[in-house]
N, C-alpha and C. Protein backbone atom coordinates (compact mmCIF):
# COMPACT_ATOMS: atom_id res chain seq x y z
N UNK A 1 5.10 -38.99 41.12
CA UNK A 1 4.10 -39.04 39.91
C UNK A 1 3.58 -38.06 39.68
N UNK A 2 3.50 -37.15 40.51
CA UNK A 2 3.28 -35.32 40.18
C UNK A 2 4.11 -34.64 39.64
N UNK A 3 4.94 -35.10 39.73
CA UNK A 3 5.99 -34.29 39.44
C UNK A 3 6.21 -34.74 37.79
N UNK A 4 6.17 -35.61 37.77
CA UNK A 4 6.72 -36.35 36.15
C UNK A 4 4.57 -35.72 35.14
N UNK A 5 3.90 -35.14 36.24
CA UNK A 5 2.27 -34.51 35.25
C UNK A 5 2.81 -33.03 34.96
N UNK A 6 3.34 -32.10 36.23
CA UNK A 6 3.50 -30.95 36.36
C UNK A 6 4.85 -31.04 34.95
N UNK A 7 5.82 -31.41 35.04
CA UNK A 7 7.01 -31.39 33.49
C UNK A 7 6.49 -31.95 32.25
N UNK A 8 5.33 -33.19 31.59
CA UNK A 8 4.60 -32.97 31.23
C UNK A 8 4.12 -31.73 30.47
N UNK A 9 2.80 -31.52 31.08
CA UNK A 9 2.40 -30.11 31.26
C UNK A 9 3.16 -29.06 30.92
N UNK A 10 4.40 -28.36 31.30
CA UNK A 10 5.34 -27.72 30.84
C UNK A 10 5.81 -27.87 29.62
N UNK A 11 6.54 -28.59 29.99
CA UNK A 11 7.04 -28.91 28.05
C UNK A 11 6.25 -28.77 27.09
N UNK A 12 4.52 -29.23 27.52
CA UNK A 12 3.88 -29.15 26.31
C UNK A 12 3.27 -27.82 25.81
N UNK A 13 2.93 -26.85 27.22
CA UNK A 13 2.46 -25.65 27.18
C UNK A 13 4.13 -24.69 26.14
N UNK A 14 5.02 -24.98 26.28
CA UNK A 14 6.28 -24.82 25.89
C UNK A 14 5.90 -24.90 24.49
N UNK A 15 6.12 -25.99 24.22
CA UNK A 15 6.17 -26.48 23.05
C UNK A 15 4.29 -25.59 21.96
N UNK A 16 3.42 -25.53 22.21
CA UNK A 16 2.79 -24.89 22.29
C UNK A 16 2.32 -23.35 21.85
N UNK A 17 3.62 -23.52 22.96
CA UNK A 17 4.03 -21.39 23.10
C UNK A 17 5.31 -20.94 21.60
N UNK A 18 6.06 -21.47 21.70
CA UNK A 18 7.04 -21.69 20.64
C UNK A 18 6.47 -22.14 19.33
N UNK A 19 5.00 -22.40 18.60
CA UNK A 19 4.86 -23.47 17.70
C UNK A 19 3.91 -22.08 17.81
N UNK A 20 3.11 -21.66 18.27
CA UNK A 20 2.36 -20.37 18.05
C UNK A 20 3.61 -18.63 17.79
N UNK A 21 4.51 -18.79 18.44
CA UNK A 21 5.91 -17.71 18.37
C UNK A 21 6.15 -17.77 16.20
N UNK A 22 6.44 -19.16 16.29
CA UNK A 22 6.86 -19.50 15.05
C UNK A 22 5.99 -18.96 14.21
N UNK A 23 5.04 -19.24 14.43
CA UNK A 23 3.68 -19.20 13.00
C UNK A 23 3.97 -17.37 13.03
N UNK A 24 3.85 -16.73 14.03
CA UNK A 24 3.74 -15.52 14.01
C UNK A 24 4.30 -14.49 12.93
N UNK A 25 6.34 -15.53 13.14
CA UNK A 25 7.36 -14.62 13.36
C UNK A 25 6.62 -14.88 11.51
N UNK A 26 6.63 -16.40 10.84
CA UNK A 26 6.74 -16.79 9.65
C UNK A 26 5.83 -16.77 8.68
N UNK A 27 4.76 -17.08 8.93
CA UNK A 27 2.92 -16.79 8.19
C UNK A 27 3.40 -15.18 7.60
N UNK A 28 3.02 -15.39 6.32
CA UNK A 28 3.13 -14.31 5.44
C UNK A 28 2.25 -13.36 5.99
N UNK A 29 2.33 -11.67 5.95
CA UNK A 29 0.99 -10.98 6.61
C UNK A 29 0.77 -9.51 5.24
N UNK A 30 -0.86 -9.76 5.64
CA UNK A 30 -1.76 -8.75 4.49
C UNK A 30 -0.71 -7.49 4.69
N UNK A 31 -0.46 -7.28 5.49
CA UNK A 31 0.07 -5.95 6.16
C UNK A 31 1.31 -5.77 6.61
N UNK A 32 2.04 -5.71 5.59
CA UNK A 32 3.95 -5.90 6.18
C UNK A 32 3.93 -4.35 6.35
N UNK A 33 4.81 -4.55 7.35
CA UNK A 33 5.64 -2.83 7.35
C UNK A 33 6.20 -2.99 7.22
N UNK A 34 6.32 -1.72 6.03
CA UNK A 34 7.90 -0.99 5.48
C UNK A 34 9.08 -0.09 6.25
N UNK A 35 10.21 0.09 6.52
CA UNK A 35 11.31 0.59 7.01
C UNK A 35 10.79 1.62 7.93
N UNK A 36 10.24 2.12 6.97
CA UNK A 36 10.05 3.78 8.27
C UNK A 36 8.65 3.41 9.01
N UNK A 37 8.33 2.29 9.20
CA UNK A 37 7.19 1.50 9.64
C UNK A 37 5.81 1.73 9.94
N UNK A 38 5.07 2.39 8.54
CA UNK A 38 4.23 2.82 8.10
C UNK A 38 3.84 1.24 7.20
N UNK A 39 2.63 0.79 7.27
CA UNK A 39 2.12 -0.18 7.27
C UNK A 39 1.80 -0.08 5.29
N UNK A 40 1.73 -1.24 4.99
CA UNK A 40 1.69 -0.69 3.36
C UNK A 40 0.72 -2.34 2.91
N UNK A 41 0.02 -2.11 2.19
CA UNK A 41 -1.27 -3.26 2.72
C UNK A 41 -1.54 -3.86 1.46
N UNK A 42 -0.94 -5.18 0.94
CA UNK A 42 -0.71 -6.49 0.22
C UNK A 42 -2.02 -6.11 -0.89
N UNK A 43 -2.16 -5.02 -1.28
CA UNK A 43 -3.62 -5.14 -3.03
C UNK A 43 -3.04 -4.73 -3.70
N UNK A 44 -3.40 -5.38 -4.54
CA UNK A 44 -3.48 -4.96 -6.44
C UNK A 44 -4.22 -4.22 -6.52
N UNK A 45 -4.30 -3.23 -7.68
CA UNK A 45 -4.95 -2.28 -8.11
C UNK A 45 -4.56 -1.88 -9.89
N UNK A 46 -5.53 -1.60 -10.18
CA UNK A 46 -5.48 -1.53 -11.53
C UNK A 46 -5.63 0.01 -11.83
N UNK A 47 -4.38 0.43 -12.50
CA UNK A 47 -4.11 2.03 -12.99
C UNK A 47 -5.37 2.68 -13.72
N UNK A 48 -6.63 3.52 -13.60
CA UNK A 48 -7.03 3.63 -14.51
C UNK A 48 -6.17 4.88 -15.72
N UNK A 49 -6.54 4.81 -16.11
CA UNK A 49 -5.33 6.28 -17.86
C UNK A 49 -6.57 6.56 -18.15
N UNK A 50 -6.27 7.71 -18.89
CA UNK A 50 -7.38 8.40 -19.90
C UNK A 50 -7.60 7.67 -21.06
N UNK A 51 -9.42 7.92 -21.27
CA UNK A 51 -9.17 7.85 -22.82
C UNK A 51 -8.69 8.35 -23.83
N UNK A 52 -9.08 8.17 -25.18
CA UNK A 52 -8.42 8.89 -25.92
C UNK A 52 -9.69 10.03 -26.33
N UNK A 53 -10.73 9.79 -26.13
CA UNK A 53 -11.92 10.93 -25.73
C UNK A 53 -11.08 11.42 -25.07
N UNK A 54 -11.17 11.31 -24.02
CA UNK A 54 -10.96 12.76 -22.87
C UNK A 54 -9.51 13.20 -23.36
N UNK A 55 -8.88 12.53 -23.71
CA UNK A 55 -7.59 13.37 -23.95
C UNK A 55 -7.65 14.09 -25.13
N UNK A 56 -8.38 14.06 -26.15
CA UNK A 56 -8.89 14.81 -27.78
C UNK A 56 -9.91 16.37 -27.05
N UNK A 57 -10.51 15.78 -26.08
CA UNK A 57 -11.16 16.71 -24.96
C UNK A 57 -9.91 17.87 -24.62
N UNK A 58 -9.03 17.71 -23.79
CA UNK A 58 -8.34 18.10 -22.51
C UNK A 58 -7.40 18.66 -23.93
N UNK A 59 -7.38 18.07 -25.44
CA UNK A 59 -5.77 18.68 -26.01
C UNK A 59 -4.69 18.27 -26.05
N UNK A 60 -4.71 16.91 -24.92
CA UNK A 60 -3.57 15.72 -24.73
C UNK A 60 -3.54 15.13 -26.02
N UNK A 61 -2.08 15.04 -26.98
CA UNK A 61 -1.77 14.06 -27.66
C UNK A 61 -2.24 12.79 -27.33
N UNK A 62 -2.93 12.01 -28.22
CA UNK A 62 -3.43 9.98 -27.98
C UNK A 62 -2.06 9.63 -27.77
N UNK A 63 -1.00 9.91 -27.79
CA UNK A 63 -0.28 8.48 -27.79
C UNK A 63 0.30 9.40 -26.22
N UNK A 64 0.42 10.32 -25.70
CA UNK A 64 0.66 10.30 -23.69
C UNK A 64 0.34 9.17 -23.48
N UNK A 65 0.49 9.18 -22.28
CA UNK A 65 -0.22 7.96 -21.48
C UNK A 65 -0.41 8.80 -20.34
N UNK A 66 -1.93 8.65 -19.64
CA UNK A 66 -1.80 9.66 -18.40
C UNK A 66 -2.81 8.47 -17.41
N UNK A 67 -2.38 8.92 -16.56
CA UNK A 67 -3.32 8.35 -15.37
C UNK A 67 -4.11 9.01 -14.74
N UNK A 68 -5.71 8.35 -15.15
CA UNK A 68 -5.87 8.85 -13.49
C UNK A 68 -6.13 9.03 -11.90
N UNK A 69 -5.85 10.38 -11.49
CA UNK A 69 -5.32 9.95 -9.96
C UNK A 69 -6.57 10.59 -9.28
N UNK A 70 -7.73 11.28 -9.77
CA UNK A 70 -9.00 11.91 -9.18
C UNK A 70 -10.04 11.83 -9.97
N UNK A 71 -11.34 11.78 -9.77
CA UNK A 71 -12.47 12.71 -10.39
C UNK A 71 -13.51 13.16 -9.52
N UNK A 72 -14.13 14.02 -9.90
CA UNK A 72 -15.23 14.49 -9.07
C UNK A 72 -16.10 13.36 -9.32
N UNK A 73 -17.62 14.18 -8.64
CA UNK A 73 -18.95 13.59 -8.51
C UNK A 73 -19.47 13.46 -9.47
N UNK A 74 -19.12 14.20 -10.54
CA UNK A 74 -19.71 14.18 -12.27
C UNK A 74 -19.05 13.42 -13.23
N UNK A 75 -18.19 13.09 -13.03
CA UNK A 75 -16.55 11.93 -13.39
C UNK A 75 -15.85 12.51 -14.14
N UNK A 76 -15.82 13.90 -14.00
CA UNK A 76 -14.88 14.62 -14.84
C UNK A 76 -13.27 14.84 -13.78
N UNK A 77 -12.30 14.77 -14.66
CA UNK A 77 -11.55 14.07 -14.17
C UNK A 77 -10.75 15.42 -13.28
N UNK A 78 -9.68 15.61 -12.05
CA UNK A 78 -9.34 16.60 -11.36
C UNK A 78 -7.80 16.76 -11.10
N UNK A 79 -7.26 15.10 -11.10
CA UNK A 79 -6.43 15.12 -10.60
C UNK A 79 -5.22 13.86 -11.68
N UNK A 80 -4.78 14.84 -12.47
CA UNK A 80 -3.74 13.13 -13.71
C UNK A 80 -2.02 13.81 -13.05
N UNK A 81 -1.71 12.50 -14.03
CA UNK A 81 -0.54 11.96 -13.91
C UNK A 81 0.17 11.83 -15.34
N UNK A 82 1.32 12.67 -15.50
CA UNK A 82 1.74 12.06 -17.05
C UNK A 82 2.53 10.50 -16.79
N UNK A 83 2.19 9.75 -17.30
CA UNK A 83 3.25 8.83 -17.51
C UNK A 83 4.64 8.86 -18.30
N UNK A 84 5.55 8.74 -18.05
CA UNK A 84 6.46 8.76 -18.94
C UNK A 84 6.89 7.02 -18.56
N UNK A 85 7.27 6.65 -17.75
CA UNK A 85 8.02 5.17 -17.31
C UNK A 85 6.73 4.40 -17.21
N UNK A 86 7.01 3.18 -16.24
CA UNK A 86 6.00 2.14 -16.25
C UNK A 86 6.47 2.46 -14.71
N UNK A 87 7.34 2.67 -14.04
CA UNK A 87 7.54 2.62 -12.57
C UNK A 87 6.60 4.49 -12.04
N UNK A 88 6.59 5.04 -12.97
CA UNK A 88 5.65 6.26 -12.13
C UNK A 88 4.92 6.21 -12.22
N UNK A 89 4.38 4.89 -12.73
CA UNK A 89 2.49 4.29 -12.31
C UNK A 89 2.31 4.69 -10.84
N UNK A 90 1.28 4.45 -9.54
CA UNK A 90 1.53 4.95 -8.41
C UNK A 90 -0.49 4.05 -8.76
N UNK A 91 -0.13 4.36 -6.95
CA UNK A 91 -1.95 4.08 -6.25
C UNK A 91 -1.98 5.11 -5.72
N UNK A 92 -2.96 5.66 -6.30
CA UNK A 92 -3.94 7.19 -5.98
C UNK A 92 -3.94 7.16 -4.45
N UNK A 93 -4.90 5.66 -3.78
CA UNK A 93 -5.42 5.89 -2.66
C UNK A 93 -3.27 5.92 -1.72
N UNK A 94 -2.64 5.88 -2.04
CA UNK A 94 -1.06 5.89 -1.67
C UNK A 94 -1.09 6.93 -1.36
N UNK A 95 -1.40 8.01 -2.42
CA UNK A 95 -0.53 9.78 -2.22
C UNK A 95 -1.15 10.12 -0.91
N UNK A 96 0.31 10.89 -0.53
CA UNK A 96 -0.55 11.89 1.19
C UNK A 96 -0.58 13.07 -0.07
N UNK A 97 -1.85 13.97 1.25
CA UNK A 97 -1.30 15.38 0.09
C UNK A 97 -0.75 16.15 0.54
N UNK A 98 -0.19 17.05 0.12
CA UNK A 98 1.20 18.25 0.98
C UNK A 98 0.33 19.18 0.95
N UNK A 99 0.84 19.04 2.06
CA UNK A 99 0.90 20.40 2.91
C UNK A 99 1.39 20.97 3.41
N UNK A 100 0.70 22.81 2.89
CA UNK A 100 2.57 23.70 3.08
C UNK A 100 2.81 23.52 4.23
N UNK A 101 2.51 23.39 5.41
CA UNK A 101 3.26 23.40 6.57
C UNK A 101 4.34 22.23 6.92
N UNK A 102 3.73 20.62 5.91
CA UNK A 102 4.74 20.14 6.07
C UNK A 102 5.91 20.06 5.42
N UNK A 103 5.77 20.85 4.35
CA UNK A 103 6.70 21.39 3.15
C UNK A 103 7.71 22.66 3.83
N UNK A 104 7.27 23.44 4.34
CA UNK A 104 7.76 24.26 5.34
C UNK A 104 8.89 23.60 6.40
N UNK A 105 8.53 22.93 6.23
CA UNK A 105 9.29 21.84 8.34
C UNK A 105 10.70 20.73 7.00
N UNK A 106 9.87 20.35 6.24
CA UNK A 106 11.28 19.99 5.60
C UNK A 106 12.22 21.07 4.94
N UNK A 107 11.86 21.57 4.24
CA UNK A 107 13.09 22.54 3.74
C UNK A 107 13.57 23.25 4.98
N UNK A 108 13.89 22.91 5.62
CA UNK A 108 14.31 24.02 6.79
C UNK A 108 15.19 22.96 6.83
């Protein structure tokens, strides 16, 4: 009788452990790992485009698509990107700064 109880407990714990492992593997994760090991956060963003007035002030043709990458405290555009194709749009939060030391290491 005691052996039967022990076997039942072991089988029950094994099933629970298996369910936990399967849940970890198959449930969608908000932070998916890319192939290179970095985390890709599953957040949507809406790109901020330069307004027609701002384009006129900067001397940029109105039909040119410009994505605002960064603004200063006063709201002035500090960094922007020309969008030639929809694939050029990027999430500014994911853009890493260029560090000259890193550029030298990769070019060697």
